[in-house]
Amino acid sequence: MNKTFQWNGEKFYFSALEAETTRKFIPEATKTAKALEDYEKDVVGVGNLLSADDIIAECKIIDAFLDTILGEGAAEKMFKGYDLGERVAATQKLTRLNNAQVKEYGEAASKGLFA
């Protein structure tokens, strides 16, 4: 099972089955998605283009998620500047890793402990 999340040459231990990660991942992902949705609805206006300040604000929302999940300072190591597209791609990659680990565990567990 792959337990390494890598972005821009930076590597972070990540296990979806580690208790603290499990405790944080879904609630933090939900909180982050809601914060981005609220920001765009309340500040930007649905369908409007993001300004540079809006991009920075949304990057900081995603950075807080990544720091919570991967460790304080992770986002600073992963990114240079404020590229929202890159942060979205990194978060999607982390989510795919989380889902793959959970699926792999489920498949192994269904065979029994001593299979």
PDB file of N, CA and C in Angstrom:
ATOM      1  N   MET A   1       0.850  -1.177   0.000  1.00  0.00           N
ATOM      2  CA  MET A   1       0.000   0.000   0.000  1.00  0.00           C
ATOM      3  C   MET A   1       0.895   1.239   0.000  1.00  0.00           C
ATOM      4  N   ASN A   2       0.658   2.109  -0.960  1.00  0.00           N
ATOM      5  CA  ASN A   2       1.423   3.356  -1.050  1.00  0.00           C
ATOM      6  C   ASN A   2       1.012   4.288   0.099  1.00  0.00           C
ATOM      7  N   LYS A   3       1.974   4.669   0.921  1.00  0.00           N
ATOM      8  CA  LYS A   3       1.704   5.584   2.037  1.00  0.00           C
ATOM      9  C   LYS A   3       2.497   6.876   1.910  1.00  0.00           C
ATOM     10  N   THR A   4       2.792   7.249   0.683  1.00  0.00           N
ATOM     11  CA  THR A   4       3.520   8.490   0.438  1.00  0.00           C
ATOM     12  C   THR A   4       2.724   9.380  -0.500  1.00  0.00           C
ATOM     13  N   PHE A   5       2.483  10.604  -0.065  1.00  0.00           N
ATOM     14  CA  PHE A   5       1.904  11.615  -0.934  1.00  0.00           C
ATOM     15  C   PHE A   5       3.047  12.518  -1.358  1.00  0.00           C
ATOM     16  N   GLN A   6       3.180  12.719  -2.671  1.00  0.00           N
ATOM     17  CA  GLN A   6       4.276  13.536  -3.184  1.00  0.00           C
ATOM     18  C   GLN A   6       3.734  14.632  -4.075  1.00  0.00           C
ATOM     19  N   TRP A   7       4.280  15.847  -3.873  1.00  0.00           N
ATOM     20  CA  TRP A   7       3.928  16.979  -4.726  1.00  0.00           C
ATOM     21  C   TRP A   7       5.134  17.884  -4.868  1.00  0.00           C
ATOM     22  N   ASN A   8       5.506  18.197  -6.103  1.00  0.00           N
ATOM     23  CA  ASN A   8       6.654  19.066  -6.391  1.00  0.00           C
ATOM     24  C   ASN A   8       7.915  18.631  -5.649  1.00  0.00           C
ATOM     25  N   GLY A   9       8.140  17.334  -5.615  1.00  0.00           N
ATOM     26  CA  GLY A   9       9.342  16.799  -4.992  1.00  0.00           C
ATOM     27  C   GLY A   9       9.278  16.662  -3.481  1.00  0.00           C
ATOM     28  N   GLU A  10       8.249  17.172  -2.864  1.00  0.00           N
ATOM     29  CA  GLU A  10       8.077  17.046  -1.408  1.00  0.00           C
ATOM     30  C   GLU A  10       7.275  15.785  -1.115  1.00  0.00           C
ATOM     31  N   LYS A  11       7.717  15.033  -0.128  1.00  0.00           N
ATOM     32  CA  LYS A  11       7.056  13.780   0.223  1.00  0.00           C
ATOM     33  C   LYS A  11       6.502  13.868   1.640  1.00  0.00           C
ATOM     34  N   PHE A  12       5.306  13.305   1.805  1.00  0.00           N
ATOM     35  CA  PHE A  12       4.622  13.308   3.095  1.00  0.00           C
ATOM     36  C   PHE A  12       4.051  11.924   3.353  1.00  0.00           C
ATOM     37  N   TYR A  13       4.226  11.441   4.565  1.00  0.00           N
ATOM     38  CA  TYR A  13       3.592  10.188   4.966  1.00  0.00           C
ATOM     39  C   TYR A  13       2.088  10.420   5.021  1.00  0.00           C
ATOM     40  N   PHE A  14       1.329   9.495   4.444  1.00  0.00           N
ATOM     41  CA  PHE A  14      -0.124   9.603   4.487  1.00  0.00           C
ATOM     42  C   PHE A  14      -0.728   8.208   4.561  1.00  0.00           C
ATOM     43  N   SER A  15      -1.502   7.969   5.596  1.00  0.00           N
ATOM     44  CA  SER A  15      -2.223   6.712   5.729  1.00  0.00           C
ATOM     45  C   SER A  15      -3.669   7.009   6.086  1.00  0.00           C
ATOM     46  N   ALA A  16      -4.567   6.651   5.191  1.00  0.00           N
ATOM     47  CA  ALA A  16      -5.997   6.851   5.419  1.00  0.00           C
ATOM     48  C   ALA A  16      -6.492   5.998   6.577  1.00  0.00           C
ATOM     49  N   LEU A  17      -5.723   4.980   6.953  1.00  0.00           N
ATOM     50  CA  LEU A  17      -6.134   4.078   8.026  1.00  0.00           C
ATOM     51  C   LEU A  17      -5.484   4.406   9.362  1.00  0.00           C
ATOM     52  N   GLU A  18      -4.691   5.456   9.406  1.00  0.00           N
ATOM     53  CA  GLU A  18      -4.130   5.920  10.675  1.00  0.00           C
ATOM     54  C   GLU A  18      -5.246   6.691  11.378  1.00  0.00           C
ATOM     55  N   ALA A  19      -5.437   6.442  12.654  1.00  0.00           N
ATOM     56  CA  ALA A  19      -6.604   6.953  13.386  1.00  0.00           C
ATOM     57  C   ALA A  19      -6.764   8.471  13.283  1.00  0.00           C
ATOM     58  N   GLU A  20      -5.707   9.224  13.493  1.00  0.00           N
ATOM     59  CA  GLU A  20      -5.836  10.686  13.457  1.00  0.00           C
ATOM     60  C   GLU A  20      -6.151  11.201  12.055  1.00  0.00           C
ATOM     61  N   THR A  21      -5.599  10.551  11.048  1.00  0.00           N
ATOM     62  CA  THR A  21      -5.924  10.935   9.671  1.00  0.00           C
ATOM     63  C   THR A  21      -7.398  10.655   9.401  1.00  0.00           C
ATOM     64  N   THR A  22      -7.858   9.486   9.810  1.00  0.00           N
ATOM     65  CA  THR A  22      -9.262   9.118   9.622  1.00  0.00           C
ATOM     66  C   THR A  22     -10.173  10.094  10.356  1.00  0.00           C
ATOM     67  N   ARG A  23      -9.776  10.485  11.545  1.00  0.00           N
ATOM     68  CA  ARG A  23     -10.567  11.422  12.355  1.00  0.00           C
ATOM     69  C   ARG A  23     -10.693  12.793  11.669  1.00  0.00           C
ATOM     70  N   LYS A  24      -9.658  13.184  10.919  1.00  0.00           N
ATOM     71  CA  LYS A  24      -9.615  14.538  10.356  1.00  0.00           C
ATOM     72  C   LYS A  24     -10.045  14.647   8.895  1.00  0.00           C
ATOM     73  N   PHE A  25      -9.769  13.632   8.084  1.00  0.00           N
ATOM     74  CA  PHE A  25      -9.853  13.801   6.632  1.00  0.00           C
ATOM     75  C   PHE A  25     -11.237  14.245   6.154  1.00  0.00           C
ATOM     76  N   ILE A  26     -12.259  13.476   6.415  1.00  0.00           N
ATOM     77  CA  ILE A  26     -13.594  13.800   5.903  1.00  0.00           C
ATOM     78  C   ILE A  26     -14.124  15.106   6.503  1.00  0.00           C
ATOM     79  N   PRO A  27     -14.049  15.295   7.840  1.00  0.00           N
ATOM     80  CA  PRO A  27     -14.535  16.572   8.373  1.00  0.00           C
ATOM     81  C   PRO A  27     -13.792  17.786   7.810  1.00  0.00           C
ATOM     82  N   GLU A  28     -12.487  17.683   7.656  1.00  0.00           N
ATOM     83  CA  GLU A  28     -11.715  18.811   7.118  1.00  0.00           C
ATOM     84  C   GLU A  28     -12.007  19.033   5.639  1.00  0.00           C
ATOM     85  N   ALA A  29     -12.184  17.946   4.886  1.00  0.00           N
ATOM     86  CA  ALA A  29     -12.525  18.080   3.468  1.00  0.00           C
ATOM     87  C   ALA A  29     -13.884  18.755   3.315  1.00  0.00           C
ATOM     88  N   THR A  30     -14.827  18.345   4.140  1.00  0.00           N
ATOM     89  CA  THR A  30     -16.166  18.934   4.105  1.00  0.00           C
ATOM     90  C   THR A  30     -16.109  20.410   4.472  1.00  0.00           C
ATOM     91  N   LYS A  31     -15.370  20.726   5.534  1.00  0.00           N
ATOM     92  CA  LYS A  31     -15.217  22.114   5.986  1.00  0.00           C
ATOM     93  C   LYS A  31     -14.560  22.976   4.904  1.00  0.00           C
ATOM     94  N   THR A  32     -13.550  22.428   4.238  1.00  0.00           N
ATOM     95  CA  THR A  32     -12.832  23.159   3.197  1.00  0.00           C
ATOM     96  C   THR A  32     -13.734  23.416   1.990  1.00  0.00           C
ATOM     97  N   ALA A  33     -14.455  22.392   1.561  1.00  0.00           N
ATOM     98  CA  ALA A  33     -15.366  22.550   0.426  1.00  0.00           C
ATOM     99  C   ALA A  33     -16.426  23.609   0.734  1.00  0.00           C
ATOM    100  N   LYS A  34     -16.953  23.594   1.950  1.00  0.00           N
ATOM    101  CA  LYS A  34     -17.972  24.570   2.359  1.00  0.00           C
ATOM    102  C   LYS A  34     -17.372  25.986   2.405  1.00  0.00           C
ATOM    103  N   ALA A  35     -16.166  26.103   2.930  1.00  0.00           N
ATOM    104  CA  ALA A  35     -15.512  27.413   3.001  1.00  0.00           C
ATOM    105  C   ALA A  35     -15.282  27.989   1.605  1.00  0.00           C
ATOM    106  N   LEU A  36     -14.857  27.164   0.662  1.00  0.00           N
ATOM    107  CA  LEU A  36     -14.656  27.623  -0.707  1.00  0.00           C
ATOM    108  C   LEU A  36     -15.991  28.013  -1.351  1.00  0.00           C
ATOM    109  N   GLU A  37     -16.994  27.191  -1.147  1.00  0.00           N
ATOM    110  CA  GLU A  37     -18.330  27.471  -1.687  1.00  0.00           C
ATOM    111  C   GLU A  37     -18.877  28.788  -1.121  1.00  0.00           C
ATOM    112  N   ASP A  38     -18.762  28.941   0.188  1.00  0.00           N
ATOM    113  CA  ASP A  38     -19.252  30.164   0.829  1.00  0.00           C
ATOM    114  C   ASP A  38     -18.483  31.389   0.347  1.00  0.00           C
ATOM    115  N   TYR A  39     -17.160  31.252   0.214  1.00  0.00           N
ATOM    116  CA  TYR A  39     -16.348  32.374  -0.253  1.00  0.00           C
ATOM    117  C   TYR A  39     -16.805  32.814  -1.635  1.00  0.00           C
ATOM    118  N   GLU A  40     -16.960  31.848  -2.527  1.00  0.00           N
ATOM    119  CA  GLU A  40     -17.346  32.196  -3.893  1.00  0.00           C
ATOM    120  C   GLU A  40     -18.762  32.765  -3.950  1.00  0.00           C
ATOM    121  N   LYS A  41     -19.645  32.250  -3.120  1.00  0.00           N
ATOM    122  CA  LYS A  41     -21.024  32.746  -3.118  1.00  0.00           C
ATOM    123  C   LYS A  41     -21.107  34.134  -2.484  1.00  0.00           C
ATOM    124  N   ASP A  42     -20.460  34.301  -1.341  1.00  0.00           N
ATOM    125  CA  ASP A  42     -20.603  35.533  -0.564  1.00  0.00           C
ATOM    126  C   ASP A  42     -19.687  36.669  -1.013  1.00  0.00           C
ATOM    127  N   VAL A  43     -18.487  36.336  -1.476  1.00  0.00           N
ATOM    128  CA  VAL A  43     -17.508  37.379  -1.806  1.00  0.00           C
ATOM    129  C   VAL A  43     -17.406  37.611  -3.306  1.00  0.00           C
ATOM    130  N   VAL A  44     -17.272  36.537  -4.051  1.00  0.00           N
ATOM    131  CA  VAL A  44     -17.027  36.656  -5.477  1.00  0.00           C
ATOM    132  C   VAL A  44     -18.334  36.816  -6.249  1.00  0.00           C
ATOM    133  N   GLY A  45     -19.325  36.056  -5.859  1.00  0.00           N
ATOM    134  CA  GLY A  45     -20.563  36.012  -6.630  1.00  0.00           C
ATOM    135  C   GLY A  45     -20.486  34.872  -7.622  1.00  0.00           C
ATOM    136  N   VAL A  46     -21.475  34.017  -7.615  1.00  0.00           N
ATOM    137  CA  VAL A  46     -21.477  32.818  -8.452  1.00  0.00           C
ATOM    138  C   VAL A  46     -21.317  33.206  -9.926  1.00  0.00           C
ATOM    139  N   GLY A  47     -20.373  32.538 -10.588  1.00  0.00           N
ATOM    140  CA  GLY A  47     -20.159  32.752 -12.013  1.00  0.00           C
ATOM    141  C   GLY A  47     -19.219  33.890 -12.356  1.00  0.00           C
ATOM    142  N   ASN A  48     -18.812  34.668 -11.382  1.00  0.00           N
ATOM    143  CA  ASN A  48     -17.883  35.776 -11.651  1.00  0.00           C
ATOM    144  C   ASN A  48     -16.445  35.275 -11.641  1.00  0.00           C
ATOM    145  N   LEU A  49     -15.590  35.990 -12.333  1.00  0.00           N
ATOM    146  CA  LEU A  49     -14.175  35.632 -12.376  1.00  0.00           C
ATOM    147  C   LEU A  49     -13.499  35.972 -11.053  1.00  0.00           C
ATOM    148  N   LEU A  50     -12.545  35.154 -10.674  1.00  0.00           N
ATOM    149  CA  LEU A  50     -11.780  35.401  -9.455  1.00  0.00           C
ATOM    150  C   LEU A  50     -10.735  36.484  -9.709  1.00  0.00           C
ATOM    151  N   SER A  51     -10.593  37.395  -8.760  1.00  0.00           N
ATOM    152  CA  SER A  51      -9.516  38.383  -8.824  1.00  0.00           C
ATOM    153  C   SER A  51      -8.261  37.746  -8.218  1.00  0.00           C
ATOM    154  N   ALA A  52      -7.151  38.435  -8.312  1.00  0.00           N
ATOM    155  CA  ALA A  52      -5.913  37.937  -7.702  1.00  0.00           C
ATOM    156  C   ALA A  52      -6.110  37.747  -6.195  1.00  0.00           C
ATOM    157  N   ASP A  53      -6.777  38.678  -5.541  1.00  0.00           N
ATOM    158  CA  ASP A  53      -7.024  38.561  -4.100  1.00  0.00           C
ATOM    159  C   ASP A  53      -7.921  37.368  -3.782  1.00  0.00           C
ATOM    160  N   ASP A  54      -8.888  37.098  -4.663  1.00  0.00           N
ATOM    161  CA  ASP A  54      -9.756  35.938  -4.466  1.00  0.00           C
ATOM    162  C   ASP A  54      -8.966  34.637  -4.587  1.00  0.00           C
ATOM    163  N   ILE A  55      -8.077  34.581  -5.553  1.00  0.00           N
ATOM    164  CA  ILE A  55      -7.244  33.391  -5.736  1.00  0.00           C
ATOM    165  C   ILE A  55      -6.391  33.165  -4.499  1.00  0.00           C
ATOM    166  N   ILE A  56      -5.780  34.202  -3.984  1.00  0.00           N
ATOM    167  CA  ILE A  56      -4.964  34.077  -2.770  1.00  0.00           C
ATOM    168  C   ILE A  56      -5.811  33.584  -1.609  1.00  0.00           C
ATOM    169  N   ALA A  57      -6.986  34.140  -1.436  1.00  0.00           N
ATOM    170  CA  ALA A  57      -7.868  33.729  -0.332  1.00  0.00           C
ATOM    171  C   ALA A  57      -8.248  32.265  -0.455  1.00  0.00           C
ATOM    172  N   GLU A  58      -8.583  31.816  -1.659  1.00  0.00           N
ATOM    173  CA  GLU A  58      -8.967  30.422  -1.834  1.00  0.00           C
ATOM    174  C   GLU A  58      -7.763  29.493  -1.674  1.00  0.00           C
ATOM    175  N   CYS A  59      -6.597  29.932  -2.108  1.00  0.00           N
ATOM    176  CA  CYS A  59      -5.378  29.139  -1.894  1.00  0.00           C
ATOM    177  C   CYS A  59      -5.143  28.944  -0.399  1.00  0.00           C
ATOM    178  N   LYS A  60      -5.351  29.985   0.378  1.00  0.00           N
ATOM    179  CA  LYS A  60      -5.131  29.888   1.828  1.00  0.00           C
ATOM    180  C   LYS A  60      -6.134  28.931   2.480  1.00  0.00           C
ATOM    181  N   ILE A  61      -7.344  28.866   1.962  1.00  0.00           N
ATOM    182  CA  ILE A  61      -8.334  27.915   2.485  1.00  0.00           C
ATOM    183  C   ILE A  61      -7.847  26.479   2.233  1.00  0.00           C
ATOM    184  N   ILE A  62      -7.369  26.225   1.023  1.00  0.00           N
ATOM    185  CA  ILE A  62      -6.865  24.887   0.687  1.00  0.00           C
ATOM    186  C   ILE A  62      -5.592  24.583   1.461  1.00  0.00           C
ATOM    187  N   ASP A  63      -4.725  25.577   1.607  1.00  0.00           N
ATOM    188  CA  ASP A  63      -3.493  25.380   2.383  1.00  0.00           C
ATOM    189  C   ASP A  63      -3.795  24.935   3.804  1.00  0.00           C
ATOM    190  N   ALA A  64      -4.809  25.510   4.413  1.00  0.00           N
ATOM    191  CA  ALA A  64      -5.176  25.133   5.782  1.00  0.00           C
ATOM    192  C   ALA A  64      -5.585  23.660   5.835  1.00  0.00           C
ATOM    193  N   PHE A  65      -6.318  23.197   4.832  1.00  0.00           N
ATOM    194  CA  PHE A  65      -6.693  21.778   4.762  1.00  0.00           C
ATOM    195  C   PHE A  65      -5.446  20.900   4.662  1.00  0.00           C
ATOM    196  N   LEU A  66      -4.569  21.227   3.724  1.00  0.00           N
ATOM    197  CA  LEU A  66      -3.372  20.404   3.520  1.00  0.00           C
ATOM    198  C   LEU A  66      -2.473  20.401   4.750  1.00  0.00           C
ATOM    199  N   ASP A  67      -2.343  21.541   5.411  1.00  0.00           N
ATOM    200  CA  ASP A  67      -1.534  21.603   6.635  1.00  0.00           C
ATOM    201  C   ASP A  67      -2.151  20.744   7.739  1.00  0.00           C
ATOM    202  N   THR A  68      -3.462  20.718   7.825  1.00  0.00           N
ATOM    203  CA  THR A  68      -4.134  19.909   8.841  1.00  0.00           C
ATOM    204  C   THR A  68      -3.924  18.424   8.575  1.00  0.00           C
ATOM    205  N   ILE A  69      -3.999  18.023   7.329  1.00  0.00           N
ATOM    206  CA  ILE A  69      -3.903  16.608   6.977  1.00  0.00           C
ATOM    207  C   ILE A  69      -2.459  16.121   6.893  1.00  0.00           C
ATOM    208  N   LEU A  70      -1.573  16.920   6.308  1.00  0.00           N
ATOM    209  CA  LEU A  70      -0.197  16.469   6.054  1.00  0.00           C
ATOM    210  C   LEU A  70       0.813  16.992   7.066  1.00  0.00           C
ATOM    211  N   GLY A  71       0.411  17.948   7.877  1.00  0.00           N
ATOM    212  CA  GLY A  71       1.323  18.508   8.864  1.00  0.00           C
ATOM    213  C   GLY A  71       1.556  19.985   8.620  1.00  0.00           C
ATOM    214  N   GLU A  72       1.707  20.720   9.700  1.00  0.00           N
ATOM    215  CA  GLU A  72       1.902  22.172   9.626  1.00  0.00           C
ATOM    216  C   GLU A  72       3.083  22.503   8.723  1.00  0.00           C
ATOM    217  N   GLY A  73       2.872  23.434   7.811  1.00  0.00           N
ATOM    218  CA  GLY A  73       3.918  23.859   6.889  1.00  0.00           C
ATOM    219  C   GLY A  73       3.976  23.057   5.600  1.00  0.00           C
ATOM    220  N   ALA A  74       3.123  22.061   5.463  1.00  0.00           N
ATOM    221  CA  ALA A  74       3.141  21.224   4.254  1.00  0.00           C
ATOM    222  C   ALA A  74       2.887  22.047   3.004  1.00  0.00           C
ATOM    223  N   ALA A  75       1.870  22.890   3.038  1.00  0.00           N
ATOM    224  CA  ALA A  75       1.516  23.680   1.852  1.00  0.00           C
ATOM    225  C   ALA A  75       2.660  24.605   1.436  1.00  0.00           C
ATOM    226  N   GLU A  76       3.329  25.172   2.414  1.00  0.00           N
ATOM    227  CA  GLU A  76       4.449  26.070   2.107  1.00  0.00           C
ATOM    228  C   GLU A  76       5.566  25.311   1.391  1.00  0.00           C
ATOM    229  N   LYS A  77       5.783  24.054   1.775  1.00  0.00           N
ATOM    230  CA  LYS A  77       6.797  23.230   1.114  1.00  0.00           C
ATOM    231  C   LYS A  77       6.354  22.811  -0.286  1.00  0.00           C
ATOM    232  N   MET A  78       5.058  22.607  -0.463  1.00  0.00           N
ATOM    233  CA  MET A  78       4.533  22.072  -1.716  1.00  0.00           C
ATOM    234  C   MET A  78       4.421  23.091  -2.844  1.00  0.00           C
ATOM    235  N   PHE A  79       4.140  24.339  -2.488  1.00  0.00           N
ATOM    236  CA  PHE A  79       3.790  25.323  -3.512  1.00  0.00           C
ATOM    237  C   PHE A  79       4.679  26.565  -3.461  1.00  0.00           C
ATOM    238  N   LYS A  80       4.872  27.133  -4.618  1.00  0.00           N
ATOM    239  CA  LYS A  80       5.534  28.433  -4.754  1.00  0.00           C
ATOM    240  C   LYS A  80       4.472  29.386  -5.277  1.00  0.00           C
ATOM    241  N   GLY A  81       4.249  30.470  -4.589  1.00  0.00           N
ATOM    242  CA  GLY A  81       3.242  31.428  -5.033  1.00  0.00           C
ATOM    243  C   GLY A  81       1.834  30.923  -4.767  1.00  0.00           C
ATOM    244  N   TYR A  82       0.885  31.539  -5.443  1.00  0.00           N
ATOM    245  CA  TYR A  82      -0.532  31.237  -5.236  1.00  0.00           C
ATOM    246  C   TYR A  82      -1.159  30.792  -6.550  1.00  0.00           C
ATOM    247  N   ASP A  83      -1.044  29.506  -6.829  1.00  0.00           N
ATOM    248  CA  ASP A  83      -1.634  28.917  -8.028  1.00  0.00           C
ATOM    249  C   ASP A  83      -2.799  28.041  -7.594  1.00  0.00           C
ATOM    250  N   LEU A  84      -4.009  28.523  -7.796  1.00  0.00           N
ATOM    251  CA  LEU A  84      -5.197  27.811  -7.347  1.00  0.00           C
ATOM    252  C   LEU A  84      -5.371  26.480  -8.071  1.00  0.00           C
ATOM    253  N   GLY A  85      -5.099  26.459  -9.358  1.00  0.00           N
ATOM    254  CA  GLY A  85      -5.220  25.221 -10.128  1.00  0.00           C
ATOM    255  C   GLY A  85      -4.312  24.129  -9.607  1.00  0.00           C
ATOM    256  N   GLU A  86      -3.104  24.508  -9.229  1.00  0.00           N
ATOM    257  CA  GLU A  86      -2.153  23.534  -8.706  1.00  0.00           C
ATOM    258  C   GLU A  86      -2.638  22.982  -7.365  1.00  0.00           C
ATOM    259  N   ARG A  87      -3.186  23.829  -6.531  1.00  0.00           N
ATOM    260  CA  ARG A  87      -3.695  23.370  -5.231  1.00  0.00           C
ATOM    261  C   ARG A  87      -4.892  22.441  -5.393  1.00  0.00           C
ATOM    262  N   VAL A  88      -5.760  22.764  -6.335  1.00  0.00           N
ATOM    263  CA  VAL A  88      -6.904  21.887  -6.592  1.00  0.00           C
ATOM    264  C   VAL A  88      -6.405  20.525  -7.078  1.00  0.00           C
ATOM    265  N   ALA A  89      -5.450  20.515  -7.983  1.00  0.00           N
ATOM    266  CA  ALA A  89      -4.900  19.256  -8.490  1.00  0.00           C
ATOM    267  C   ALA A  89      -4.242  18.448  -7.376  1.00  0.00           C
ATOM    268  N   ALA A  90      -3.497  19.098  -6.505  1.00  0.00           N
ATOM    269  CA  ALA A  90      -2.844  18.404  -5.390  1.00  0.00           C
ATOM    270  C   ALA A  90      -3.877  17.811  -4.440  1.00  0.00           C
ATOM    271  N   THR A  91      -4.925  18.565  -4.149  1.00  0.00           N
ATOM    272  CA  THR A  91      -5.964  18.086  -3.246  1.00  0.00           C
ATOM    273  C   THR A  91      -6.704  16.914  -3.870  1.00  0.00           C
ATOM    274  N   GLN A  92      -6.954  16.960  -5.156  1.00  0.00           N
ATOM    275  CA  GLN A  92      -7.598  15.835  -5.838  1.00  0.00           C
ATOM    276  C   GLN A  92      -6.697  14.598  -5.799  1.00  0.00           C
ATOM    277  N   LYS A  93      -5.402  14.788  -5.972  1.00  0.00           N
ATOM    278  CA  LYS A  93      -4.466  13.664  -5.909  1.00  0.00           C
ATOM    279  C   LYS A  93      -4.460  13.048  -4.506  1.00  0.00           C
ATOM    280  N   LEU A  94      -4.465  13.883  -3.485  1.00  0.00           N
ATOM    281  CA  LEU A  94      -4.497  13.389  -2.111  1.00  0.00           C
ATOM    282  C   LEU A  94      -5.790  12.620  -1.846  1.00  0.00           C
ATOM    283  N   THR A  95      -6.894  13.116  -2.363  1.00  0.00           N
ATOM    284  CA  THR A  95      -8.184  12.438  -2.202  1.00  0.00           C
ATOM    285  C   THR A  95      -8.178  11.088  -2.902  1.00  0.00           C
ATOM    286  N   ARG A  96      -7.599  11.017  -4.086  1.00  0.00           N
ATOM    287  CA  ARG A  96      -7.498   9.727  -4.793  1.00  0.00           C
ATOM    288  C   ARG A  96      -6.645   8.736  -4.005  1.00  0.00           C
ATOM    289  N   LEU A  97      -5.551   9.223  -3.390  1.00  0.00           N
ATOM    290  CA  LEU A  97      -4.708   8.351  -2.573  1.00  0.00           C
ATOM    291  C   LEU A  97      -5.491   7.842  -1.369  1.00  0.00           C
ATOM    292  N   ASN A  98      -6.217   8.720  -0.711  1.00  0.00           N
ATOM    293  CA  ASN A  98      -7.052   8.338   0.426  1.00  0.00           C
ATOM    294  C   ASN A  98      -8.045   7.245   0.005  1.00  0.00           C
ATOM    295  N   ASN A  99      -8.747   7.474  -1.089  1.00  0.00           N
ATOM    296  CA  ASN A  99      -9.754   6.524  -1.559  1.00  0.00           C
ATOM    297  C   ASN A  99      -9.142   5.185  -1.957  1.00  0.00           C
ATOM    298  N   ALA A 100      -7.974   5.219  -2.594  1.00  0.00           N
ATOM    299  CA  ALA A 100      -7.301   3.988  -2.999  1.00  0.00           C
ATOM    300  C   ALA A 100      -6.872   3.175  -1.779  1.00  0.00           C
ATOM    301  N   GLN A 101      -6.368   3.846  -0.743  1.00  0.00           N
ATOM    302  CA  GLN A 101      -5.960   3.131   0.469  1.00  0.00           C
ATOM    303  C   GLN A 101      -7.162   2.483   1.153  1.00  0.00           C
ATOM    304  N   VAL A 102      -8.269   3.199   1.229  1.00  0.00           N
ATOM    305  CA  VAL A 102      -9.470   2.657   1.856  1.00  0.00           C
ATOM    306  C   VAL A 102      -9.981   1.454   1.054  1.00  0.00           C
ATOM    307  N   LYS A 103      -9.990   1.586  -0.266  1.00  0.00           N
ATOM    308  CA  LYS A 103     -10.451   0.484  -1.127  1.00  0.00           C
ATOM    309  C   LYS A 103      -9.547  -0.738  -0.983  1.00  0.00           C
ATOM    310  N   GLU A 104      -8.242  -0.510  -0.998  1.00  0.00           N
ATOM    311  CA  GLU A 104      -7.290  -1.617  -0.875  1.00  0.00           C
ATOM    312  C   GLU A 104      -7.471  -2.337   0.459  1.00  0.00           C
ATOM    313  N   TYR A 105      -7.660  -1.586   1.521  1.00  0.00           N
ATOM    314  CA  TYR A 105      -7.904  -2.190   2.828  1.00  0.00           C
ATOM    315  C   TYR A 105      -9.188  -3.014   2.803  1.00  0.00           C
ATOM    316  N   GLY A 106     -10.250  -2.463   2.242  1.00  0.00           N
ATOM    317  CA  GLY A 106     -11.523  -3.176   2.184  1.00  0.00           C
ATOM    318  C   GLY A 106     -11.409  -4.495   1.446  1.00  0.00           C
ATOM    319  N   GLU A 107     -10.673  -4.492   0.347  1.00  0.00           N
ATOM    320  CA  GLU A 107     -10.480  -5.714  -0.424  1.00  0.00           C
ATOM    321  C   GLU A 107      -9.667  -6.744   0.369  1.00  0.00           C
ATOM    322  N   ALA A 108      -8.632  -6.284   1.046  1.00  0.00           N
ATOM    323  CA  ALA A 108      -7.806  -7.201   1.849  1.00  0.00           C
ATOM    324  C   ALA A 108      -8.591  -7.717   3.052  1.00  0.00           C
ATOM    325  N   ALA A 109      -9.319  -6.853   3.709  1.00  0.00           N
ATOM    326  CA  ALA A 109     -10.075  -7.248   4.907  1.00  0.00           C
ATOM    327  C   ALA A 109     -11.162  -8.258   4.580  1.00  0.00           C
ATOM    328  N   SER A 110     -11.734  -8.141   3.382  1.00  0.00           N
ATOM    329  CA  SER A 110     -12.817  -9.054   3.017  1.00  0.00           C
ATOM    330  C   SER A 110     -12.318 -10.484   2.856  1.00  0.00           C
ATOM    331  N   LYS A 111     -11.001 -10.668   2.718  1.00  0.00           N
ATOM    332  CA  LYS A 111     -10.410 -11.992   2.589  1.00  0.00           C
ATOM    333  C   LYS A 111     -10.118 -12.617   3.940  1.00  0.00           C
ATOM    334  N   GLY A 112     -10.222 -11.837   5.001  1.00  0.00           N
ATOM    335  CA  GLY A 112      -9.949 -12.348   6.335  1.00  0.00           C
ATOM    336  C   GLY A 112      -8.551 -11.980   6.801  1.00  0.00           C
ATOM    337  N   LEU A 113      -8.376 -12.001   8.099  1.00  0.00           N
ATOM    338  CA  LEU A 113      -7.116 -11.565   8.688  1.00  0.00           C
ATOM    339  C   LEU A 113      -5.936 -12.437   8.282  1.00  0.00           C
ATOM    340  N   PHE A 114      -6.126 -13.714   8.176  1.00  0.00           N
ATOM    341  CA  PHE A 114      -5.013 -14.636   7.913  1.00  0.00           C
ATOM    342  C   PHE A 114      -5.066 -15.237   6.525  1.00  0.00           C
ATOM    343  N   ALA A 115      -5.625 -14.520   5.572  1.00  0.00           N
ATOM    344  CA  ALA A 115      -5.772 -15.037   4.199  1.00  0.00           C
ATOM    345  C   ALA A 115      -4.434 -15.052   3.491  1.00  0.00           C
TER     346      ALA A 115
END
